[in-house]
Amino acid sequence: MNAAPTPTQLRELTGRLALGTAQFGLAYGLNNEAGQPTPAAVAEVLAAARAAGLTLLDTAAAYGNSEARLGEILKEDSGFEIITKLPAGPPAEVVWHLAASLARLRRSRLYGVLFHAFGPLQAEPTAWRALQAARAAGQVGRIGVSLYHPHEAEWLLAEGWDVDLVQVPYNVLDQRFTAVLPRLAAWGVEVHVRSAFLQGLLLREPAALPSFFQSLAAKLTRLRALTAGAGVPLPAALLLFAAGAPGVARAVIGVDSVANLHENLAAAAYLAAAEKLRPVLTELAEDSDTFILPYAWPPRP
């Protein structure tokens, strides 16, 4: 039987989490069979998240109607702060996109704004000026970019950009950013990690993996054996591996129901046990980008 977290444990965990909202605007994730949740279901999840102590939401203009739903449901004094993501481009376009996001979210100020990808920003570096101006004007607290590859973080550090916030993928298979995360944090960058469950792939029964992922079966079997041996539920071990990685400020979790949210928050009871597991879980790192980058996966049937 799973242990129940104490209030102190729950506060510690919620302080390390941001609630991802891609599921609110899209049918998202490898294991998603229910599709996009209803507006009522989204409102229930947000109310439960706030009651549990979560205060930060992560969204994007590209997440279907996620921004609009958040704007319809939440008042500006709801207790939630919001991060959104925009496409990079000429400064005037960035200003337009930011204004559109603020309008959809019905906010005058955001906790943070990220460019959705590094490549377009590197190709159009003047885009950065628009976010700098928004930060200076008080529209945005933190500015940055969502990264996919460690060399992108290395470039930002080498160039000395005044980045406040980055988001990167990180999980037991995808540990490519391990070395650079503490350096980003030391530079003053708030690091958020995503994909703790690798879009649900890490929760799949090894015997039920789609054929494309069959070569991962041995590692996923080993993962289950290690977590079971330590008495830590698999979802808790995966979430805490990401949230507790050195240099990480928060892990972004996506949920599509109140029950799913509570399953994630139950991980708080295993904070200490999961940290003891970290050394052996680091041995499961996958070298091939083929399996750890969802954009390299074949389309869902």
C-alpha atoms as a PDB file:
ATOM      1  CA  MET A   1       0.000   0.000   0.000  1.00  0.00           C
ATOM      2  CA  ASN A   2       1.342   3.416  -0.932  1.00  0.00           C
ATOM      3  CA  ALA A   3       2.230   5.808   1.886  1.00  0.00           C
ATOM      4  CA  ALA A   4       0.414   9.147   2.221  1.00  0.00           C
ATOM      5  CA  PRO A   5       2.642  12.231   2.160  1.00  0.00           C
ATOM      6  CA  THR A   6       2.814  14.524   5.162  1.00  0.00           C
ATOM      7  CA  PRO A   7       1.873  18.185   4.723  1.00  0.00           C
ATOM      8  CA  THR A   8       5.574  19.077   4.898  1.00  0.00           C
ATOM      9  CA  GLN A   9       6.459  16.562   2.180  1.00  0.00           C
ATOM     10  CA  LEU A  10       3.608  17.815   0.006  1.00  0.00           C
ATOM     11  CA  ARG A  11       4.749  21.429   0.344  1.00  0.00           C
ATOM     12  CA  GLU A  12       8.280  20.429  -0.580  1.00  0.00           C
ATOM     13  CA  LEU A  13       7.111  18.645  -3.713  1.00  0.00           C
ATOM     14  CA  THR A  14       4.615  21.262  -4.910  1.00  0.00           C
ATOM     15  CA  GLY A  15       7.348  23.881  -4.596  1.00  0.00           C
ATOM     16  CA  ARG A  16       9.352  21.867  -7.115  1.00  0.00           C
ATOM     17  CA  LEU A  17       6.523  21.472  -9.645  1.00  0.00           C
ATOM     18  CA  ALA A  18       4.761  23.449 -12.347  1.00  0.00           C
ATOM     19  CA  LEU A  19       1.491  22.205 -13.817  1.00  0.00           C
ATOM     20  CA  GLY A  20       1.722  21.718 -17.572  1.00  0.00           C
ATOM     21  CA  THR A  21      -1.418  22.496 -19.540  1.00  0.00           C
ATOM     22  CA  ALA A  22      -0.810  21.009 -22.987  1.00  0.00           C
ATOM     23  CA  GLN A  23      -3.418  18.391 -22.073  1.00  0.00           C
ATOM     24  CA  PHE A  24      -5.993  21.146 -21.519  1.00  0.00           C
ATOM     25  CA  GLY A  25      -5.827  22.280 -25.133  1.00  0.00           C
ATOM     26  CA  LEU A  26      -4.804  19.138 -27.021  1.00  0.00           C
ATOM     27  CA  ALA A  27      -5.200  15.355 -26.960  1.00  0.00           C
ATOM     28  CA  TYR A  28      -1.594  14.942 -25.803  1.00  0.00           C
ATOM     29  CA  GLY A  29       0.709  12.067 -24.862  1.00  0.00           C
ATOM     30  CA  LEU A  30       1.557   8.553 -25.997  1.00  0.00           C
ATOM     31  CA  ASN A  31      -0.874   6.948 -23.536  1.00  0.00           C
ATOM     32  CA  ASN A  32      -3.736   9.421 -23.993  1.00  0.00           C
ATOM     33  CA  GLU A  33      -6.892   7.520 -24.906  1.00  0.00           C
ATOM     34  CA  ALA A  34      -9.457   9.938 -23.474  1.00  0.00           C
ATOM     35  CA  GLY A  35      -8.705  12.915 -25.725  1.00  0.00           C
ATOM     36  CA  GLN A  36      -8.936  16.541 -24.642  1.00  0.00           C
ATOM     37  CA  PRO A  37     -10.609  17.034 -21.222  1.00  0.00           C
ATOM     38  CA  THR A  38     -13.842  19.029 -20.960  1.00  0.00           C
ATOM     39  CA  PRO A  39     -13.825  22.629 -19.633  1.00  0.00           C
ATOM     40  CA  ALA A  40     -15.427  21.349 -16.418  1.00  0.00           C
ATOM     41  CA  ALA A  41     -12.676  18.744 -15.999  1.00  0.00           C
ATOM     42  CA  VAL A  42     -10.007  21.414 -16.536  1.00  0.00           C
ATOM     43  CA  ALA A  43     -11.630  23.643 -13.901  1.00  0.00           C
ATOM     44  CA  GLU A  44     -11.686  20.729 -11.441  1.00  0.00           C
ATOM     45  CA  VAL A  45      -8.006  19.978 -12.019  1.00  0.00           C
ATOM     46  CA  LEU A  46      -7.033  23.622 -11.515  1.00  0.00           C
ATOM     47  CA  ALA A  47      -9.061  23.880  -8.295  1.00  0.00           C
ATOM     48  CA  ALA A  48      -7.495  20.685  -6.951  1.00  0.00           C
ATOM     49  CA  ALA A  49      -4.006  21.848  -7.947  1.00  0.00           C
ATOM     50  CA  ARG A  50      -4.448  25.163  -6.159  1.00  0.00           C
ATOM     51  CA  ALA A  51      -5.814  23.428  -3.060  1.00  0.00           C
ATOM     52  CA  ALA A  52      -2.754  21.171  -3.029  1.00  0.00           C
ATOM     53  CA  GLY A  53      -0.387  24.141  -3.146  1.00  0.00           C
ATOM     54  CA  LEU A  54       0.619  24.325  -6.806  1.00  0.00           C
ATOM     55  CA  THR A  55       1.082  27.925  -7.915  1.00  0.00           C
ATOM     56  CA  LEU A  56       2.724  27.858 -11.351  1.00  0.00           C
ATOM     57  CA  LEU A  57       1.182  26.884 -14.707  1.00  0.00           C
ATOM     58  CA  ASP A  58       3.050  26.179 -17.938  1.00  0.00           C
ATOM     59  CA  THR A  59       1.286  26.731 -21.257  1.00  0.00           C
ATOM     60  CA  ALA A  60       1.987  27.856 -24.838  1.00  0.00           C
ATOM     61  CA  ALA A  61       0.290  29.556 -27.739  1.00  0.00           C
ATOM     62  CA  ALA A  62       0.835  26.308 -29.656  1.00  0.00           C
ATOM     63  CA  TYR A  63      -1.124  24.164 -27.159  1.00  0.00           C
ATOM     64  CA  GLY A  64      -4.450  24.330 -28.974  1.00  0.00           C
ATOM     65  CA  ASN A  65      -6.886  26.406 -26.931  1.00  0.00           C
ATOM     66  CA  SER A  66      -5.027  25.948 -23.627  1.00  0.00           C
ATOM     67  CA  GLU A  67      -4.331  29.672 -23.140  1.00  0.00           C
ATOM     68  CA  ALA A  68      -7.944  30.613 -23.855  1.00  0.00           C
ATOM     69  CA  ARG A  69      -9.242  27.985 -21.444  1.00  0.00           C
ATOM     70  CA  LEU A  70      -6.974  29.235 -18.679  1.00  0.00           C
ATOM     71  CA  GLY A  71      -8.115  32.789 -19.354  1.00  0.00           C
ATOM     72  CA  GLU A  72     -11.776  31.787 -19.159  1.00  0.00           C
ATOM     73  CA  ILE A  73     -11.393  29.789 -15.934  1.00  0.00           C
ATOM     74  CA  LEU A  74      -8.847  31.735 -13.895  1.00  0.00           C
ATOM     75  CA  LYS A  75      -9.037  35.257 -12.554  1.00  0.00           C
ATOM     76  CA  GLU A  76      -5.778  37.192 -12.390  1.00  0.00           C
ATOM     77  CA  ASP A  77      -5.838  36.894  -8.586  1.00  0.00           C
ATOM     78  CA  SER A  78      -6.453  33.126  -8.713  1.00  0.00           C
ATOM     79  CA  GLY A  79      -3.179  32.365  -6.944  1.00  0.00           C
ATOM     80  CA  PHE A  80      -1.611  30.941 -10.100  1.00  0.00           C
ATOM     81  CA  GLU A  81       1.246  32.456 -12.056  1.00  0.00           C
ATOM     82  CA  ILE A  82       1.698  31.514 -15.708  1.00  0.00           C
ATOM     83  CA  ILE A  83       4.526  30.795 -18.122  1.00  0.00           C
ATOM     84  CA  THR A  84       3.747  30.729 -21.829  1.00  0.00           C
ATOM     85  CA  LYS A  85       5.777  30.090 -24.970  1.00  0.00           C
ATOM     86  CA  LEU A  86       5.880  32.016 -28.225  1.00  0.00           C
ATOM     87  CA  PRO A  87       7.472  31.606 -31.658  1.00  0.00           C
ATOM     88  CA  ALA A  88      10.643  33.624 -32.273  1.00  0.00           C
ATOM     89  CA  GLY A  89      10.693  36.107 -35.139  1.00  0.00           C
ATOM     90  CA  PRO A  90      11.219  39.802 -35.860  1.00  0.00           C
ATOM     91  CA  PRO A  91      10.587  41.931 -32.743  1.00  0.00           C
ATOM     92  CA  ALA A  92       7.285  43.321 -34.044  1.00  0.00           C
ATOM     93  CA  GLU A  93       5.957  39.768 -34.492  1.00  0.00           C
ATOM     94  CA  VAL A  94       7.072  38.798 -30.987  1.00  0.00           C
ATOM     95  CA  VAL A  95       5.301  41.848 -29.557  1.00  0.00           C
ATOM     96  CA  TRP A  96       2.132  40.849 -31.437  1.00  0.00           C
ATOM     97  CA  HIS A  97       2.308  37.227 -30.240  1.00  0.00           C
ATOM     98  CA  LEU A  98       2.880  38.296 -26.640  1.00  0.00           C
ATOM     99  CA  ALA A  99      -0.074  40.683 -26.762  1.00  0.00           C
ATOM    100  CA  ALA A 100      -2.258  37.914 -28.187  1.00  0.00           C
ATOM    101  CA  SER A 101      -1.206  35.489 -25.431  1.00  0.00           C
ATOM    102  CA  LEU A 102      -1.834  38.085 -22.716  1.00  0.00           C
ATOM    103  CA  ALA A 103      -5.281  38.725 -24.193  1.00  0.00           C
ATOM    104  CA  ARG A 104      -6.163  35.021 -24.340  1.00  0.00           C
ATOM    105  CA  LEU A 105      -4.891  34.489 -20.796  1.00  0.00           C
ATOM    106  CA  ARG A 106      -6.613  37.691 -19.614  1.00  0.00           C
ATOM    107  CA  ARG A 107      -3.453  38.721 -17.810  1.00  0.00           C
ATOM    108  CA  SER A 108      -1.511  41.954 -17.592  1.00  0.00           C
ATOM    109  CA  ARG A 109       1.652  40.199 -16.442  1.00  0.00           C
ATOM    110  CA  LEU A 110       3.198  36.726 -16.761  1.00  0.00           C
ATOM    111  CA  TYR A 111       5.685  34.886 -14.561  1.00  0.00           C
ATOM    112  CA  GLY A 112       7.695  33.970 -17.627  1.00  0.00           C
ATOM    113  CA  VAL A 113       7.779  33.818 -21.415  1.00  0.00           C
ATOM    114  CA  LEU A 114       9.903  31.341 -23.355  1.00  0.00           C
ATOM    115  CA  PHE A 115      10.597  31.109 -27.021  1.00  0.00           C
ATOM    116  CA  HIS A 116       9.295  27.733 -28.117  1.00  0.00           C
ATOM    117  CA  ALA A 117      12.522  26.607 -29.788  1.00  0.00           C
ATOM    118  CA  PHE A 118      16.158  27.630 -29.911  1.00  0.00           C
ATOM    119  CA  GLY A 119      16.752  27.339 -33.671  1.00  0.00           C
ATOM    120  CA  PRO A 120      14.382  30.136 -34.755  1.00  0.00           C
ATOM    121  CA  LEU A 121      15.747  32.380 -31.977  1.00  0.00           C
ATOM    122  CA  GLN A 122      19.335  31.811 -33.066  1.00  0.00           C
ATOM    123  CA  ALA A 123      18.281  32.590 -36.645  1.00  0.00           C
ATOM    124  CA  GLU A 124      16.482  35.779 -35.561  1.00  0.00           C
ATOM    125  CA  PRO A 125      18.380  37.001 -32.468  1.00  0.00           C
ATOM    126  CA  THR A 126      16.659  40.406 -32.582  1.00  0.00           C
ATOM    127  CA  ALA A 127      13.589  38.573 -31.229  1.00  0.00           C
ATOM    128  CA  TRP A 128      15.306  38.641 -27.856  1.00  0.00           C
ATOM    129  CA  ARG A 129      15.008  42.422 -27.711  1.00  0.00           C
ATOM    130  CA  ALA A 130      11.223  42.154 -27.660  1.00  0.00           C
ATOM    131  CA  LEU A 131      11.278  39.930 -24.578  1.00  0.00           C
ATOM    132  CA  GLN A 132      13.868  42.139 -22.907  1.00  0.00           C
ATOM    133  CA  ALA A 133      11.572  45.114 -23.481  1.00  0.00           C
ATOM    134  CA  ALA A 134       8.558  43.218 -22.111  1.00  0.00           C
ATOM    135  CA  ARG A 135      10.536  42.315 -19.002  1.00  0.00           C
ATOM    136  CA  ALA A 136      11.686  45.910 -18.545  1.00  0.00           C
ATOM    137  CA  ALA A 137       8.068  47.096 -18.911  1.00  0.00           C
ATOM    138  CA  GLY A 138       6.882  44.695 -16.222  1.00  0.00           C
ATOM    139  CA  GLN A 139       4.786  42.516 -18.535  1.00  0.00           C
ATOM    140  CA  VAL A 140       7.008  39.514 -17.905  1.00  0.00           C
ATOM    141  CA  GLY A 141       9.059  38.482 -14.886  1.00  0.00           C
ATOM    142  CA  ARG A 142      11.437  36.000 -16.532  1.00  0.00           C
ATOM    143  CA  ILE A 143      12.423  35.433 -20.150  1.00  0.00           C
ATOM    144  CA  GLY A 144      14.118  32.522 -21.842  1.00  0.00           C
ATOM    145  CA  VAL A 145      13.832  29.663 -24.280  1.00  0.00           C
ATOM    146  CA  SER A 146      12.764  26.034 -24.406  1.00  0.00           C
ATOM    147  CA  LEU A 147      15.733  23.852 -25.329  1.00  0.00           C
ATOM    148  CA  TYR A 148      16.034  20.400 -26.876  1.00  0.00           C
ATOM    149  CA  HIS A 149      19.793  19.831 -27.042  1.00  0.00           C
ATOM    150  CA  PRO A 150      22.631  20.547 -24.566  1.00  0.00           C
ATOM    151  CA  HIS A 151      24.676  22.409 -27.187  1.00  0.00           C
ATOM    152  CA  GLU A 152      21.928  25.052 -27.199  1.00  0.00           C
ATOM    153  CA  ALA A 153      22.442  25.679 -23.478  1.00  0.00           C
ATOM    154  CA  GLU A 154      26.190  25.764 -24.012  1.00  0.00           C
ATOM    155  CA  TRP A 155      25.710  28.426 -26.691  1.00  0.00           C
ATOM    156  CA  LEU A 156      23.612  30.610 -24.398  1.00  0.00           C
ATOM    157  CA  LEU A 157      26.225  30.363 -21.654  1.00  0.00           C
ATOM    158  CA  ALA A 158      29.083  31.097 -24.039  1.00  0.00           C
ATOM    159  CA  GLU A 159      27.278  34.122 -25.501  1.00  0.00           C
ATOM    160  CA  GLY A 160      26.363  35.427 -22.036  1.00  0.00           C
ATOM    161  CA  TRP A 161      22.714  36.117 -22.834  1.00  0.00           C
ATOM    162  CA  ASP A 162      20.644  37.498 -19.948  1.00  0.00           C
ATOM    163  CA  VAL A 163      18.400  34.437 -19.785  1.00  0.00           C
ATOM    164  CA  ASP A 164      16.290  34.019 -16.632  1.00  0.00           C
ATOM    165  CA  LEU A 165      14.479  30.783 -17.464  1.00  0.00           C
ATOM    166  CA  VAL A 166      14.932  27.670 -19.597  1.00  0.00           C
ATOM    167  CA  GLN A 167      12.976  24.482 -20.000  1.00  0.00           C
ATOM    168  CA  VAL A 168      14.653  21.221 -21.034  1.00  0.00           C
ATOM    169  CA  PRO A 169      13.711  17.536 -21.322  1.00  0.00           C
ATOM    170  CA  TYR A 170      15.003  15.326 -18.509  1.00  0.00           C
ATOM    171  CA  ASN A 171      14.166  11.802 -17.379  1.00  0.00           C
ATOM    172  CA  VAL A 172      15.840   8.487 -16.555  1.00  0.00           C
ATOM    173  CA  LEU A 173      16.436   7.751 -20.247  1.00  0.00           C
ATOM    174  CA  ASP A 174      17.183  11.310 -21.363  1.00  0.00           C
ATOM    175  CA  GLN A 175      19.991  12.601 -19.157  1.00  0.00           C
ATOM    176  CA  ARG A 176      21.795  14.604 -21.839  1.00  0.00           C
ATOM    177  CA  PHE A 177      21.534  17.879 -19.877  1.00  0.00           C
ATOM    178  CA  THR A 178      22.944  16.497 -16.602  1.00  0.00           C
ATOM    179  CA  ALA A 179      26.299  18.281 -16.822  1.00  0.00           C
ATOM    180  CA  VAL A 180      24.986  21.671 -17.919  1.00  0.00           C
ATOM    181  CA  LEU A 181      22.027  22.035 -15.513  1.00  0.00           C
ATOM    182  CA  PRO A 182      24.093  23.059 -12.449  1.00  0.00           C
ATOM    183  CA  ARG A 183      26.047  25.509 -14.612  1.00  0.00           C
ATOM    184  CA  LEU A 184      22.819  27.132 -15.794  1.00  0.00           C
ATOM    185  CA  ALA A 185      21.599  27.388 -12.212  1.00  0.00           C
ATOM    186  CA  ALA A 186      24.920  28.910 -11.111  1.00  0.00           C
ATOM    187  CA  TRP A 187      24.528  31.488 -13.913  1.00  0.00           C
ATOM    188  CA  GLY A 188      21.226  32.526 -12.326  1.00  0.00           C
ATOM    189  CA  VAL A 189      18.965  30.677 -14.754  1.00  0.00           C
ATOM    190  CA  GLU A 190      15.805  29.075 -13.363  1.00  0.00           C
ATOM    191  CA  VAL A 191      15.758  25.579 -14.881  1.00  0.00           C
ATOM    192  CA  HIS A 192      12.491  23.756 -15.501  1.00  0.00           C
ATOM    193  CA  VAL A 193      12.465  20.190 -16.777  1.00  0.00           C
ATOM    194  CA  ARG A 194       9.774  18.435 -18.776  1.00  0.00           C
ATOM    195  CA  SER A 195       9.117  14.856 -19.936  1.00  0.00           C
ATOM    196  CA  ALA A 196       9.666  13.106 -16.596  1.00  0.00           C
ATOM    197  CA  PHE A 197       7.553  10.228 -17.962  1.00  0.00           C
ATOM    198  CA  LEU A 198       8.663  10.723 -21.592  1.00  0.00           C
ATOM    199  CA  GLN A 199       5.055  11.224 -22.727  1.00  0.00           C
ATOM    200  CA  GLY A 200       4.052   8.073 -20.830  1.00  0.00           C
ATOM    201  CA  LEU A 201       6.586   5.791 -22.496  1.00  0.00           C
ATOM    202  CA  LEU A 202       8.385   5.091 -19.206  1.00  0.00           C
ATOM    203  CA  LEU A 203       5.131   3.951 -17.614  1.00  0.00           C
ATOM    204  CA  ARG A 204       4.392   1.378 -20.307  1.00  0.00           C
ATOM    205  CA  GLU A 205       4.528  -2.310 -19.489  1.00  0.00           C
ATOM    206  CA  PRO A 206       7.694  -3.520 -21.243  1.00  0.00           C
ATOM    207  CA  ALA A 207       5.796  -6.402 -22.824  1.00  0.00           C
ATOM    208  CA  ALA A 208       3.233  -3.979 -24.287  1.00  0.00           C
ATOM    209  CA  LEU A 209       5.658  -1.562 -25.923  1.00  0.00           C
ATOM    210  CA  PRO A 210       4.950  -0.560 -29.521  1.00  0.00           C
ATOM    211  CA  SER A 211       7.338  -2.318 -31.899  1.00  0.00           C
ATOM    212  CA  PHE A 212       9.389   0.856 -32.461  1.00  0.00           C
ATOM    213  CA  PHE A 213      10.399   0.845 -28.781  1.00  0.00           C
ATOM    214  CA  GLN A 214      11.033  -2.878 -28.334  1.00  0.00           C
ATOM    215  CA  SER A 215      14.769  -2.426 -27.862  1.00  0.00           C
ATOM    216  CA  LEU A 216      14.013  -0.453 -24.667  1.00  0.00           C
ATOM    217  CA  ALA A 217      12.211  -3.387 -23.035  1.00  0.00           C
ATOM    218  CA  ALA A 218      15.253  -4.555 -21.057  1.00  0.00           C
ATOM    219  CA  LYS A 219      15.908  -1.085 -19.626  1.00  0.00           C
ATOM    220  CA  LEU A 220      12.271  -0.548 -18.704  1.00  0.00           C
ATOM    221  CA  THR A 221      12.179  -3.969 -17.048  1.00  0.00           C
ATOM    222  CA  ARG A 222      15.291  -3.029 -15.068  1.00  0.00           C
ATOM    223  CA  LEU A 223      13.696   0.299 -14.128  1.00  0.00           C
ATOM    224  CA  ARG A 224      10.670  -1.486 -12.701  1.00  0.00           C
ATOM    225  CA  ALA A 225      12.834  -3.917 -10.759  1.00  0.00           C
ATOM    226  CA  LEU A 226      14.917  -1.125  -9.223  1.00  0.00           C
ATOM    227  CA  THR A 227      11.942   0.968  -8.136  1.00  0.00           C
ATOM    228  CA  ALA A 228      10.045  -2.037  -6.795  1.00  0.00           C
ATOM    229  CA  GLY A 229      13.113  -3.164  -4.857  1.00  0.00           C
ATOM    230  CA  ALA A 230      13.375   0.267  -3.257  1.00  0.00           C
ATOM    231  CA  GLY A 231       9.667   0.319  -2.389  1.00  0.00           C
ATOM    232  CA  VAL A 232       9.050   3.412  -4.538  1.00  0.00           C
ATOM    233  CA  PRO A 233       6.124   3.405  -6.998  1.00  0.00           C
ATOM    234  CA  LEU A 234       7.341   3.776 -10.569  1.00  0.00           C
ATOM    235  CA  PRO A 235       5.573   7.110 -11.267  1.00  0.00           C
ATOM    236  CA  ALA A 236       6.960   8.594  -8.049  1.00  0.00           C
ATOM    237  CA  ALA A 237      10.495   7.468  -8.849  1.00  0.00           C
ATOM    238  CA  LEU A 238      10.313   8.980 -12.337  1.00  0.00           C
ATOM    239  CA  LEU A 239       8.852  12.293 -11.209  1.00  0.00           C
ATOM    240  CA  LEU A 240      11.289  12.742  -8.337  1.00  0.00           C
ATOM    241  CA  PHE A 241      14.276  11.766 -10.495  1.00  0.00           C
ATOM    242  CA  ALA A 242      13.477  14.749 -12.706  1.00  0.00           C
ATOM    243  CA  ALA A 243      12.320  17.210 -10.039  1.00  0.00           C
ATOM    244  CA  GLY A 244      15.291  16.553  -7.766  1.00  0.00           C
ATOM    245  CA  ALA A 245      18.080  16.608 -10.346  1.00  0.00           C
ATOM    246  CA  PRO A 246      20.958  18.958  -9.442  1.00  0.00           C
ATOM    247  CA  GLY A 247      20.350  22.422 -10.880  1.00  0.00           C
ATOM    248  CA  VAL A 248      16.603  21.903 -11.425  1.00  0.00           C
ATOM    249  CA  ALA A 249      14.151  24.385  -9.923  1.00  0.00           C
ATOM    250  CA  ARG A 250      10.905  22.763 -11.097  1.00  0.00           C
ATOM    251  CA  ALA A 251       9.545  19.828 -13.048  1.00  0.00           C
ATOM    252  CA  VAL A 252       6.570  20.390 -15.330  1.00  0.00           C
ATOM    253  CA  ILE A 253       3.879  17.729 -14.949  1.00  0.00           C
ATOM    254  CA  GLY A 254       0.881  17.297 -17.229  1.00  0.00           C
ATOM    255  CA  VAL A 255      -2.360  15.836 -15.913  1.00  0.00           C
ATOM    256  CA  ASP A 256      -5.796  15.327 -17.420  1.00  0.00           C
ATOM    257  CA  SER A 257      -7.873  14.581 -14.302  1.00  0.00           C
ATOM    258  CA  VAL A 258      -7.973  15.237 -10.570  1.00  0.00           C
ATOM    259  CA  ALA A 259      -7.165  11.573  -9.932  1.00  0.00           C
ATOM    260  CA  ASN A 260      -4.111  11.857 -12.184  1.00  0.00           C
ATOM    261  CA  LEU A 261      -3.000  14.973 -10.287  1.00  0.00           C
ATOM    262  CA  HIS A 262      -3.295  13.229  -6.933  1.00  0.00           C
ATOM    263  CA  GLU A 263      -1.327  10.251  -8.263  1.00  0.00           C
ATOM    264  CA  ASN A 264       1.512  12.641  -9.105  1.00  0.00           C
ATOM    265  CA  LEU A 265       1.368  14.436  -5.762  1.00  0.00           C
ATOM    266  CA  ALA A 266       1.469  11.119  -3.883  1.00  0.00           C
ATOM    267  CA  ALA A 267       5.144  10.989  -4.915  1.00  0.00           C
ATOM    268  CA  ALA A 268       5.866  13.417  -2.062  1.00  0.00           C
ATOM    269  CA  ALA A 269       5.853  10.508   0.394  1.00  0.00           C
ATOM    270  CA  TYR A 270       8.916   9.035  -1.340  1.00  0.00           C
ATOM    271  CA  LEU A 271      11.228  12.056  -1.533  1.00  0.00           C
ATOM    272  CA  ALA A 272      13.978  10.512   0.597  1.00  0.00           C
ATOM    273  CA  ALA A 273      13.718   7.005  -0.854  1.00  0.00           C
ATOM    274  CA  ALA A 274      13.781   8.305  -4.424  1.00  0.00           C
ATOM    275  CA  GLU A 275      16.926  10.314  -3.763  1.00  0.00           C
ATOM    276  CA  LYS A 276      18.685   7.147  -2.586  1.00  0.00           C
ATOM    277  CA  LEU A 277      17.647   5.529  -5.875  1.00  0.00           C
ATOM    278  CA  ARG A 278      19.165   8.288  -8.015  1.00  0.00           C
ATOM    279  CA  PRO A 279      22.668   6.758  -8.455  1.00  0.00           C
ATOM    280  CA  VAL A 280      21.364   3.496  -9.914  1.00  0.00           C
ATOM    281  CA  LEU A 281      18.724   5.188 -12.062  1.00  0.00           C
ATOM    282  CA  THR A 282      21.401   7.353 -13.680  1.00  0.00           C
ATOM    283  CA  GLU A 283      22.799   4.119 -15.145  1.00  0.00           C
ATOM    284  CA  LEU A 284      19.685   3.814 -17.341  1.00  0.00           C
ATOM    285  CA  ALA A 285      20.620   6.801 -19.524  1.00  0.00           C
ATOM    286  CA  GLU A 286      19.940   6.138 -23.204  1.00  0.00           C
ATOM    287  CA  ASP A 287      22.556   7.174 -25.746  1.00  0.00           C
ATOM    288  CA  SER A 288      20.359   7.148 -28.838  1.00  0.00           C
ATOM    289  CA  ASP A 289      18.286  10.258 -29.619  1.00  0.00           C
ATOM    290  CA  THR A 290      15.930   7.996 -31.555  1.00  0.00           C
ATOM    291  CA  PHE A 291      14.035   6.944 -28.439  1.00  0.00           C
ATOM    292  CA  ILE A 292      14.374   9.986 -26.190  1.00  0.00           C
ATOM    293  CA  LEU A 293      13.255  12.736 -28.577  1.00  0.00           C
ATOM    294  CA  PRO A 294       9.525  12.412 -29.275  1.00  0.00           C
ATOM    295  CA  TYR A 295       9.820  14.321 -32.548  1.00  0.00           C
ATOM    296  CA  ALA A 296      11.902  11.396 -33.839  1.00  0.00           C
ATOM    297  CA  TRP A 297       9.128   8.892 -33.067  1.00  0.00           C
ATOM    298  CA  PRO A 298       6.849   7.520 -35.779  1.00  0.00           C
ATOM    299  CA  PRO A 299       3.383   9.118 -35.865  1.00  0.00           C
ATOM    300  CA  ARG A 300       0.694   7.512 -33.721  1.00  0.00           C
ATOM    301  CA  PRO A 301      -1.616   5.248 -35.723  1.00  0.00           C
END
